[in-house]
Amino acid sequence: MALNPEHLRRPDPVTLAHAFITPQRSKRRGTPRDPDDGTQFVVDTDDGKVVVWRWGQGPAVLLIHGWQADHSDMLGFLAPLLAAGMSVITLDLPAHGLSSGETATIPQLAKVVRSVANVCGPIRGLIAHSMGAAVSILALSHGLELERVVLISAPARYRDQARTMAARAGLDEQDWAAMEQVLADLGAGLQEVDVPALVARLPQKAMLVHSGDDRIVSIADSRETASRWPDAIFKQVDGLGHGRILHDPNVIALAVGFIAGEN
């Protein structure tokens, strides 16, 4: 009997679950600036070796990159933060860049961010992009201490991202339930990472920035989070998509000014 090609292409929920927490590493590796201009070091965590960079003196600002990115994506903020009298700490999250690991979940990454902050702290502020924003919010909800937060292109719910991947792969409801269970067994914490619910209890001052044409994360996600975070500032920009927003001078100035306490 001939095999049905459609059957051969039927999505496997177990494979998809593992793919959901397995990033492809960025090809951009290595120290982004002259070593004399900063310090590169390794922090040993429960999830392996994490490569960290630090520049400057003064109050520390932590930069957290997004999924399948690395620390270099956040370096547009470096010079302006240094000029504002801050020091800057950035890292390659586990399974990203130069850090060890093959898989990564938001709860795992949040724990690592707290570990790095404990080594490098105290921390004044944090700027995070995309998935890194969700990681940062979970870290804050678990005790990461700092004063000010800027979230750029922030997603709202981890479960929604997994469900979107399942839908695009063509999973039916039964297979989606199986994928969700596998992710639960892997410690993904899909239900735990609900950013709008988490921020309602946070005391930090916050700014959220999102581009209206973002095709990766809907601007509605940031709007919802801002509406739930007491006194949060929401800034819409346009024409910057999901990635270009990190290199826009106006967005960078907004973020640095907010971390410095200008608004």
C-alpha atoms as a PDB file:
ATOM      1  CA  MET A   1       0.000   0.000   0.000  1.00  0.00           C
ATOM      2  CA  ALA A   2       1.343   3.395  -0.962  1.00  0.00           C
ATOM      3  CA  LEU A   3       2.109   5.817   1.877  1.00  0.00           C
ATOM      4  CA  ASN A   4      -0.058   8.893   2.064  1.00  0.00           C
ATOM      5  CA  PRO A   5       2.139  11.985   1.556  1.00  0.00           C
ATOM      6  CA  GLU A   6      -0.168  14.005   3.797  1.00  0.00           C
ATOM      7  CA  HIS A   7       0.319  11.451   6.568  1.00  0.00           C
ATOM      8  CA  LEU A   8       4.098  11.699   6.170  1.00  0.00           C
ATOM      9  CA  ARG A   9       3.895  15.458   6.694  1.00  0.00           C
ATOM     10  CA  ARG A  10       1.645  15.250   9.734  1.00  0.00           C
ATOM     11  CA  PRO A  11       3.168  17.400  12.491  1.00  0.00           C
ATOM     12  CA  ASP A  12       4.615  15.609  15.482  1.00  0.00           C
ATOM     13  CA  PRO A  13       3.658  17.418  18.729  1.00  0.00           C
ATOM     14  CA  VAL A  14       6.682  16.077  20.603  1.00  0.00           C
ATOM     15  CA  THR A  15       9.084  17.282  17.907  1.00  0.00           C
ATOM     16  CA  LEU A  16       7.343  20.648  17.753  1.00  0.00           C
ATOM     17  CA  ALA A  17       7.506  21.035  21.532  1.00  0.00           C
ATOM     18  CA  HIS A  18      11.251  20.510  21.498  1.00  0.00           C
ATOM     19  CA  ALA A  19      11.635  22.825  18.510  1.00  0.00           C
ATOM     20  CA  PHE A  20       9.723  25.514  20.410  1.00  0.00           C
ATOM     21  CA  ILE A  21      12.422  25.643  23.095  1.00  0.00           C
ATOM     22  CA  THR A  22      15.427  25.123  20.793  1.00  0.00           C
ATOM     23  CA  PRO A  23      16.748  28.381  19.329  1.00  0.00           C
ATOM     24  CA  GLN A  24      18.979  28.639  16.299  1.00  0.00           C
ATOM     25  CA  ARG A  25      22.149  30.428  17.353  1.00  0.00           C
ATOM     26  CA  SER A  26      23.017  33.741  15.805  1.00  0.00           C
ATOM     27  CA  LYS A  27      26.121  33.607  13.610  1.00  0.00           C
ATOM     28  CA  ARG A  28      27.342  36.879  15.088  1.00  0.00           C
ATOM     29  CA  ARG A  29      29.749  35.795  17.781  1.00  0.00           C
ATOM     30  CA  GLY A  30      32.643  37.354  19.625  1.00  0.00           C
ATOM     31  CA  THR A  31      33.456  40.450  21.627  1.00  0.00           C
ATOM     32  CA  PRO A  32      31.599  43.412  20.092  1.00  0.00           C
ATOM     33  CA  ARG A  33      34.161  46.041  21.095  1.00  0.00           C
ATOM     34  CA  ASP A  34      37.852  46.235  21.887  1.00  0.00           C
ATOM     35  CA  PRO A  35      38.541  44.200  25.059  1.00  0.00           C
ATOM     36  CA  ASP A  36      40.260  47.246  26.594  1.00  0.00           C
ATOM     37  CA  ASP A  37      36.928  49.053  26.417  1.00  0.00           C
ATOM     38  CA  GLY A  38      35.081  46.529  28.564  1.00  0.00           C
ATOM     39  CA  THR A  39      35.281  43.234  30.378  1.00  0.00           C
ATOM     40  CA  GLN A  40      34.099  39.832  29.197  1.00  0.00           C
ATOM     41  CA  PHE A  41      33.666  37.102  31.793  1.00  0.00           C
ATOM     42  CA  VAL A  42      31.730  33.920  32.497  1.00  0.00           C
ATOM     43  CA  VAL A  43      29.085  33.366  35.170  1.00  0.00           C
ATOM     44  CA  ASP A  44      28.530  29.754  36.173  1.00  0.00           C
ATOM     45  CA  THR A  45      24.827  29.052  36.673  1.00  0.00           C
ATOM     46  CA  ASP A  46      22.668  25.988  37.263  1.00  0.00           C
ATOM     47  CA  ASP A  47      21.975  26.104  33.515  1.00  0.00           C
ATOM     48  CA  GLY A  48      25.592  26.226  32.421  1.00  0.00           C
ATOM     49  CA  LYS A  49      28.147  28.877  31.569  1.00  0.00           C
ATOM     50  CA  VAL A  50      26.786  32.302  30.655  1.00  0.00           C
ATOM     51  CA  VAL A  51      29.022  34.806  28.876  1.00  0.00           C
ATOM     52  CA  VAL A  52      28.664  38.364  30.181  1.00  0.00           C
ATOM     53  CA  TRP A  53      30.093  41.743  29.148  1.00  0.00           C
ATOM     54  CA  ARG A  54      30.408  44.887  31.262  1.00  0.00           C
ATOM     55  CA  TRP A  55      31.396  48.450  30.377  1.00  0.00           C
ATOM     56  CA  GLY A  56      31.738  51.697  32.292  1.00  0.00           C
ATOM     57  CA  GLN A  57      31.203  52.912  35.825  1.00  0.00           C
ATOM     58  CA  GLY A  58      28.140  54.145  37.632  1.00  0.00           C
ATOM     59  CA  PRO A  59      24.650  52.680  38.107  1.00  0.00           C
ATOM     60  CA  ALA A  60      24.303  49.414  36.196  1.00  0.00           C
ATOM     61  CA  VAL A  61      21.828  48.820  33.378  1.00  0.00           C
ATOM     62  CA  LEU A  62      21.129  45.273  32.224  1.00  0.00           C
ATOM     63  CA  LEU A  63      20.401  44.636  28.521  1.00  0.00           C
ATOM     64  CA  ILE A  64      18.448  41.479  27.644  1.00  0.00           C
ATOM     65  CA  HIS A  65      18.204  40.272  24.030  1.00  0.00           C
ATOM     66  CA  GLY A  66      15.395  38.353  22.367  1.00  0.00           C
ATOM     67  CA  TRP A  67      14.908  34.845  20.981  1.00  0.00           C
ATOM     68  CA  GLN A  68      17.529  33.572  18.534  1.00  0.00           C
ATOM     69  CA  ALA A  69      19.505  36.776  19.036  1.00  0.00           C
ATOM     70  CA  ASP A  70      22.523  37.609  21.197  1.00  0.00           C
ATOM     71  CA  HIS A  71      23.988  40.472  23.216  1.00  0.00           C
ATOM     72  CA  SER A  72      25.103  42.336  20.078  1.00  0.00           C
ATOM     73  CA  ASP A  73      21.466  43.093  19.171  1.00  0.00           C
ATOM     74  CA  MET A  74      21.281  45.389  22.207  1.00  0.00           C
ATOM     75  CA  LEU A  75      24.514  47.321  21.691  1.00  0.00           C
ATOM     76  CA  GLY A  76      22.803  50.334  20.144  1.00  0.00           C
ATOM     77  CA  PHE A  77      22.030  51.353  23.720  1.00  0.00           C
ATOM     78  CA  LEU A  78      25.627  51.012  24.899  1.00  0.00           C
ATOM     79  CA  ALA A  79      27.237  54.350  24.002  1.00  0.00           C
ATOM     80  CA  PRO A  80      24.194  56.465  25.004  1.00  0.00           C
ATOM     81  CA  LEU A  81      23.973  54.710  28.376  1.00  0.00           C
ATOM     82  CA  LEU A  82      27.683  55.215  28.996  1.00  0.00           C
ATOM     83  CA  ALA A  83      27.334  58.882  28.023  1.00  0.00           C
ATOM     84  CA  ALA A  84      24.524  59.181  30.568  1.00  0.00           C
ATOM     85  CA  GLY A  85      26.868  58.022  33.315  1.00  0.00           C
ATOM     86  CA  MET A  86      25.673  54.430  33.503  1.00  0.00           C
ATOM     87  CA  SER A  87      27.548  51.163  33.390  1.00  0.00           C
ATOM     88  CA  VAL A  88      26.218  48.501  31.037  1.00  0.00           C
ATOM     89  CA  ILE A  89      25.906  44.756  31.528  1.00  0.00           C
ATOM     90  CA  THR A  90      24.787  42.461  28.750  1.00  0.00           C
ATOM     91  CA  LEU A  91      24.898  38.715  28.216  1.00  0.00           C
ATOM     92  CA  ASP A  92      24.231  35.876  25.834  1.00  0.00           C
ATOM     93  CA  LEU A  93      21.309  33.953  27.299  1.00  0.00           C
ATOM     94  CA  PRO A  94      21.678  30.151  27.547  1.00  0.00           C
ATOM     95  CA  ALA A  95      21.535  28.398  24.153  1.00  0.00           C
ATOM     96  CA  HIS A  96      22.298  31.760  22.509  1.00  0.00           C
ATOM     97  CA  GLY A  97      25.518  33.336  21.310  1.00  0.00           C
ATOM     98  CA  LEU A  98      28.603  32.200  23.205  1.00  0.00           C
ATOM     99  CA  SER A  99      26.769  30.790  26.216  1.00  0.00           C
ATOM    100  CA  SER A 100      26.309  27.062  26.730  1.00  0.00           C
ATOM    101  CA  GLY A 101      23.128  25.050  26.296  1.00  0.00           C
ATOM    102  CA  GLU A 102      20.924  23.773  23.495  1.00  0.00           C
ATOM    103  CA  THR A 103      17.408  24.480  24.765  1.00  0.00           C
ATOM    104  CA  ALA A 104      15.880  27.395  26.637  1.00  0.00           C
ATOM    105  CA  THR A 105      12.582  28.124  28.340  1.00  0.00           C
ATOM    106  CA  ILE A 106      11.476  31.473  29.747  1.00  0.00           C
ATOM    107  CA  PRO A 107      11.497  30.230  33.386  1.00  0.00           C
ATOM    108  CA  GLN A 108      15.025  28.876  32.875  1.00  0.00           C
ATOM    109  CA  LEU A 109      16.232  32.129  31.309  1.00  0.00           C
ATOM    110  CA  ALA A 110      14.604  34.238  34.025  1.00  0.00           C
ATOM    111  CA  LYS A 111      16.493  32.258  36.643  1.00  0.00           C
ATOM    112  CA  VAL A 112      19.751  32.878  34.764  1.00  0.00           C
ATOM    113  CA  VAL A 113      19.091  36.626  34.545  1.00  0.00           C
ATOM    114  CA  ARG A 114      18.632  36.708  38.320  1.00  0.00           C
ATOM    115  CA  SER A 115      21.879  34.775  38.785  1.00  0.00           C
ATOM    116  CA  VAL A 116      23.804  37.222  36.605  1.00  0.00           C
ATOM    117  CA  ALA A 117      22.237  40.191  38.415  1.00  0.00           C
ATOM    118  CA  ASN A 118      23.251  38.707  41.760  1.00  0.00           C
ATOM    119  CA  VAL A 119      26.852  38.493  40.563  1.00  0.00           C
ATOM    120  CA  CYS A 120      26.939  41.906  38.871  1.00  0.00           C
ATOM    121  CA  GLY A 121      24.494  43.928  40.980  1.00  0.00           C
ATOM    122  CA  PRO A 122      23.136  46.157  42.230  1.00  0.00           C
ATOM    123  CA  ILE A 123      21.181  46.915  39.065  1.00  0.00           C
ATOM    124  CA  ARG A 124      19.479  50.275  38.462  1.00  0.00           C
ATOM    125  CA  GLY A 125      17.537  49.486  35.315  1.00  0.00           C
ATOM    126  CA  LEU A 126      16.862  47.038  32.530  1.00  0.00           C
ATOM    127  CA  ILE A 127      16.158  47.281  28.801  1.00  0.00           C
ATOM    128  CA  ALA A 128      14.800  44.143  27.150  1.00  0.00           C
ATOM    129  CA  HIS A 129      13.587  43.174  23.695  1.00  0.00           C
ATOM    130  CA  SER A 130      10.913  40.701  22.603  1.00  0.00           C
ATOM    131  CA  MET A 131      11.229  37.344  24.387  1.00  0.00           C
ATOM    132  CA  GLY A 132      13.822  38.964  26.627  1.00  0.00           C
ATOM    133  CA  ALA A 133      11.062  41.212  27.914  1.00  0.00           C
ATOM    134  CA  ALA A 134       8.999  38.226  29.076  1.00  0.00           C
ATOM    135  CA  VAL A 135      12.124  36.714  30.629  1.00  0.00           C
ATOM    136  CA  SER A 136      12.775  39.961  32.482  1.00  0.00           C
ATOM    137  CA  ILE A 137       9.233  40.272  33.802  1.00  0.00           C
ATOM    138  CA  LEU A 138       9.332  36.739  35.177  1.00  0.00           C
ATOM    139  CA  ALA A 139      12.706  37.490  36.800  1.00  0.00           C
ATOM    140  CA  LEU A 140      11.244  40.628  38.391  1.00  0.00           C
ATOM    141  CA  SER A 141       8.238  38.707  39.663  1.00  0.00           C
ATOM    142  CA  HIS A 142      10.640  36.243  41.308  1.00  0.00           C
ATOM    143  CA  GLY A 143      12.618  38.903  43.146  1.00  0.00           C
ATOM    144  CA  LEU A 144      15.006  40.644  40.731  1.00  0.00           C
ATOM    145  CA  GLU A 145      15.496  44.091  42.253  1.00  0.00           C
ATOM    146  CA  LEU A 146      15.873  47.259  40.193  1.00  0.00           C
ATOM    147  CA  GLU A 147      14.143  50.616  39.724  1.00  0.00           C
ATOM    148  CA  ARG A 148      13.247  51.128  36.066  1.00  0.00           C
ATOM    149  CA  VAL A 149      12.327  48.881  33.143  1.00  0.00           C
ATOM    150  CA  VAL A 150      12.027  49.470  29.401  1.00  0.00           C
ATOM    151  CA  LEU A 151      10.344  46.724  27.389  1.00  0.00           C
ATOM    152  CA  ILE A 152      10.597  46.860  23.602  1.00  0.00           C
ATOM    153  CA  SER A 153       8.299  44.762  21.374  1.00  0.00           C
ATOM    154  CA  ALA A 154       7.178  42.737  24.377  1.00  0.00           C
ATOM    155  CA  PRO A 155       4.950  39.662  23.957  1.00  0.00           C
ATOM    156  CA  ALA A 156       2.127  39.097  26.424  1.00  0.00           C
ATOM    157  CA  ARG A 157       1.746  35.344  26.898  1.00  0.00           C
ATOM    158  CA  TYR A 158       4.105  32.417  26.363  1.00  0.00           C
ATOM    159  CA  ARG A 159       1.209  30.027  25.762  1.00  0.00           C
ATOM    160  CA  ASP A 160      -0.043  32.188  22.885  1.00  0.00           C
ATOM    161  CA  GLN A 161       3.352  31.897  21.191  1.00  0.00           C
ATOM    162  CA  ALA A 162       3.334  28.122  21.507  1.00  0.00           C
ATOM    163  CA  ARG A 163      -0.237  27.948  20.265  1.00  0.00           C
ATOM    164  CA  THR A 164       0.645  30.088  17.254  1.00  0.00           C
ATOM    165  CA  MET A 165       3.519  27.755  16.363  1.00  0.00           C
ATOM    166  CA  ALA A 166       1.206  24.752  16.672  1.00  0.00           C
ATOM    167  CA  ALA A 167      -1.428  26.374  14.465  1.00  0.00           C
ATOM    168  CA  ARG A 168       1.106  27.265  11.778  1.00  0.00           C
ATOM    169  CA  ALA A 169       2.334  23.681  11.806  1.00  0.00           C
ATOM    170  CA  GLY A 170      -1.211  22.426  11.331  1.00  0.00           C
ATOM    171  CA  LEU A 171      -1.727  20.695  14.677  1.00  0.00           C
ATOM    172  CA  ASP A 172      -5.288  19.768  15.511  1.00  0.00           C
ATOM    173  CA  GLU A 173      -6.699  20.261  19.025  1.00  0.00           C
ATOM    174  CA  GLN A 174      -5.693  16.794  20.191  1.00  0.00           C
ATOM    175  CA  ASP A 175      -2.106  17.209  19.031  1.00  0.00           C
ATOM    176  CA  TRP A 176      -1.946  20.726  20.478  1.00  0.00           C
ATOM    177  CA  ALA A 177      -2.963  19.303  23.861  1.00  0.00           C
ATOM    178  CA  ALA A 178      -0.183  16.737  23.533  1.00  0.00           C
ATOM    179  CA  MET A 179       2.358  19.444  22.639  1.00  0.00           C
ATOM    180  CA  GLU A 180       1.245  21.559  25.587  1.00  0.00           C
ATOM    181  CA  GLN A 181       1.698  18.609  27.933  1.00  0.00           C
ATOM    182  CA  VAL A 182       5.198  17.911  26.603  1.00  0.00           C
ATOM    183  CA  LEU A 183       6.117  21.568  27.172  1.00  0.00           C
ATOM    184  CA  ALA A 184       4.766  21.365  30.712  1.00  0.00           C
ATOM    185  CA  ASP A 185       6.902  18.279  31.320  1.00  0.00           C
ATOM    186  CA  LEU A 186       9.918  20.188  29.973  1.00  0.00           C
ATOM    187  CA  GLY A 187       9.343  23.031  32.444  1.00  0.00           C
ATOM    188  CA  ALA A 188       8.303  25.624  29.884  1.00  0.00           C
ATOM    189  CA  GLY A 189       5.784  27.180  32.264  1.00  0.00           C
ATOM    190  CA  LEU A 190       3.377  28.295  29.558  1.00  0.00           C
ATOM    191  CA  GLN A 191       0.664  29.243  32.037  1.00  0.00           C
ATOM    192  CA  GLU A 192       3.155  30.941  34.376  1.00  0.00           C
ATOM    193  CA  VAL A 193       4.425  33.444  31.818  1.00  0.00           C
ATOM    194  CA  ASP A 194       1.464  35.800  31.537  1.00  0.00           C
ATOM    195  CA  VAL A 195       3.121  39.203  31.348  1.00  0.00           C
ATOM    196  CA  PRO A 196       0.027  41.427  31.835  1.00  0.00           C
ATOM    197  CA  ALA A 197      -0.945  39.462  34.936  1.00  0.00           C
ATOM    198  CA  LEU A 198       2.587  39.524  36.350  1.00  0.00           C
ATOM    199  CA  VAL A 199       3.194  43.264  35.924  1.00  0.00           C
ATOM    200  CA  ALA A 200       0.088  44.218  37.881  1.00  0.00           C
ATOM    201  CA  ARG A 201       2.008  43.361  41.053  1.00  0.00           C
ATOM    202  CA  LEU A 202       5.356  44.966  40.156  1.00  0.00           C
ATOM    203  CA  PRO A 203       6.538  48.206  41.800  1.00  0.00           C
ATOM    204  CA  GLN A 204       9.085  49.239  39.152  1.00  0.00           C
ATOM    205  CA  LYS A 205       8.594  52.272  36.926  1.00  0.00           C
ATOM    206  CA  ALA A 206       8.062  51.074  33.375  1.00  0.00           C
ATOM    207  CA  MET A 207       8.050  52.179  29.752  1.00  0.00           C
ATOM    208  CA  LEU A 208       6.867  49.985  26.873  1.00  0.00           C
ATOM    209  CA  VAL A 209       7.779  50.785  23.264  1.00  0.00           C
ATOM    210  CA  HIS A 210       6.308  48.971  20.258  1.00  0.00           C
ATOM    211  CA  SER A 211       6.084  49.577  16.522  1.00  0.00           C
ATOM    212  CA  GLY A 212       2.653  49.492  14.959  1.00  0.00           C
ATOM    213  CA  ASP A 213       3.897  47.416  12.011  1.00  0.00           C
ATOM    214  CA  ASP A 214       5.520  44.664  14.114  1.00  0.00           C
ATOM    215  CA  ARG A 215       4.653  41.357  12.405  1.00  0.00           C
ATOM    216  CA  ILE A 216       6.301  39.150  15.033  1.00  0.00           C
ATOM    217  CA  VAL A 217       4.618  40.450  18.187  1.00  0.00           C
ATOM    218  CA  SER A 218       1.382  42.413  17.976  1.00  0.00           C
ATOM    219  CA  ILE A 219       1.407  45.914  19.406  1.00  0.00           C
ATOM    220  CA  ALA A 220      -1.774  44.896  21.231  1.00  0.00           C
ATOM    221  CA  ASP A 221       0.409  42.815  23.548  1.00  0.00           C
ATOM    222  CA  SER A 222       2.357  45.835  24.776  1.00  0.00           C
ATOM    223  CA  ARG A 223      -0.795  47.918  25.035  1.00  0.00           C
ATOM    224  CA  GLU A 224      -2.369  45.312  27.293  1.00  0.00           C
ATOM    225  CA  THR A 225       0.721  45.021  29.468  1.00  0.00           C
ATOM    226  CA  ALA A 226       1.013  48.796  29.820  1.00  0.00           C
ATOM    227  CA  SER A 227      -2.643  49.037  30.817  1.00  0.00           C
ATOM    228  CA  ARG A 228      -2.082  46.534  33.638  1.00  0.00           C
ATOM    229  CA  TRP A 229       1.171  48.025  34.958  1.00  0.00           C
ATOM    230  CA  PRO A 230       0.469  50.924  37.367  1.00  0.00           C
ATOM    231  CA  ASP A 231       1.641  54.258  35.887  1.00  0.00           C
ATOM    232  CA  ALA A 232       3.452  52.590  32.983  1.00  0.00           C
ATOM    233  CA  ILE A 233       4.272  54.738  29.951  1.00  0.00           C
ATOM    234  CA  PHE A 234       3.354  53.364  26.530  1.00  0.00           C
ATOM    235  CA  LYS A 235       5.009  54.691  23.371  1.00  0.00           C
ATOM    236  CA  GLN A 236       3.912  53.670  19.890  1.00  0.00           C
ATOM    237  CA  VAL A 237       6.323  54.125  17.032  1.00  0.00           C
ATOM    238  CA  ASP A 238       5.746  53.222  13.394  1.00  0.00           C
ATOM    239  CA  GLY A 239       7.700  51.758  10.491  1.00  0.00           C
ATOM    240  CA  LEU A 240      10.325  50.033  12.658  1.00  0.00           C
ATOM    241  CA  GLY A 241       9.042  46.450  12.646  1.00  0.00           C
ATOM    242  CA  HIS A 242      10.308  43.997  15.226  1.00  0.00           C
ATOM    243  CA  GLY A 243      14.079  44.318  14.809  1.00  0.00           C
ATOM    244  CA  ARG A 244      14.826  47.753  13.367  1.00  0.00           C
ATOM    245  CA  ILE A 245      13.307  49.308  16.473  1.00  0.00           C
ATOM    246  CA  LEU A 246      16.478  48.439  18.406  1.00  0.00           C
ATOM    247  CA  HIS A 247      18.583  50.675  16.181  1.00  0.00           C
ATOM    248  CA  ASP A 248      16.321  53.701  15.930  1.00  0.00           C
ATOM    249  CA  PRO A 249      17.944  56.800  17.518  1.00  0.00           C
ATOM    250  CA  ASN A 250      14.637  58.116  18.852  1.00  0.00           C
ATOM    251  CA  VAL A 251      13.743  54.795  20.503  1.00  0.00           C
ATOM    252  CA  ILE A 252      17.225  54.543  21.990  1.00  0.00           C
ATOM    253  CA  ALA A 253      16.990  58.100  23.327  1.00  0.00           C
ATOM    254  CA  LEU A 254      13.558  57.380  24.831  1.00  0.00           C
ATOM    255  CA  ALA A 255      14.813  54.267  26.584  1.00  0.00           C
ATOM    256  CA  VAL A 256      18.029  55.788  27.889  1.00  0.00           C
ATOM    257  CA  GLY A 257      16.237  58.927  29.062  1.00  0.00           C
ATOM    258  CA  PHE A 258      13.699  56.853  30.948  1.00  0.00           C
ATOM    259  CA  ILE A 259      16.356  54.688  32.623  1.00  0.00           C
ATOM    260  CA  ALA A 260      18.241  57.860  33.574  1.00  0.00           C
ATOM    261  CA  GLY A 261      15.093  59.220  35.210  1.00  0.00           C
ATOM    262  CA  GLU A 262      14.326  61.998  32.746  1.00  0.00           C
ATOM    263  CA  ASN A 263      10.633  61.025  32.517  1.00  0.00           C
END
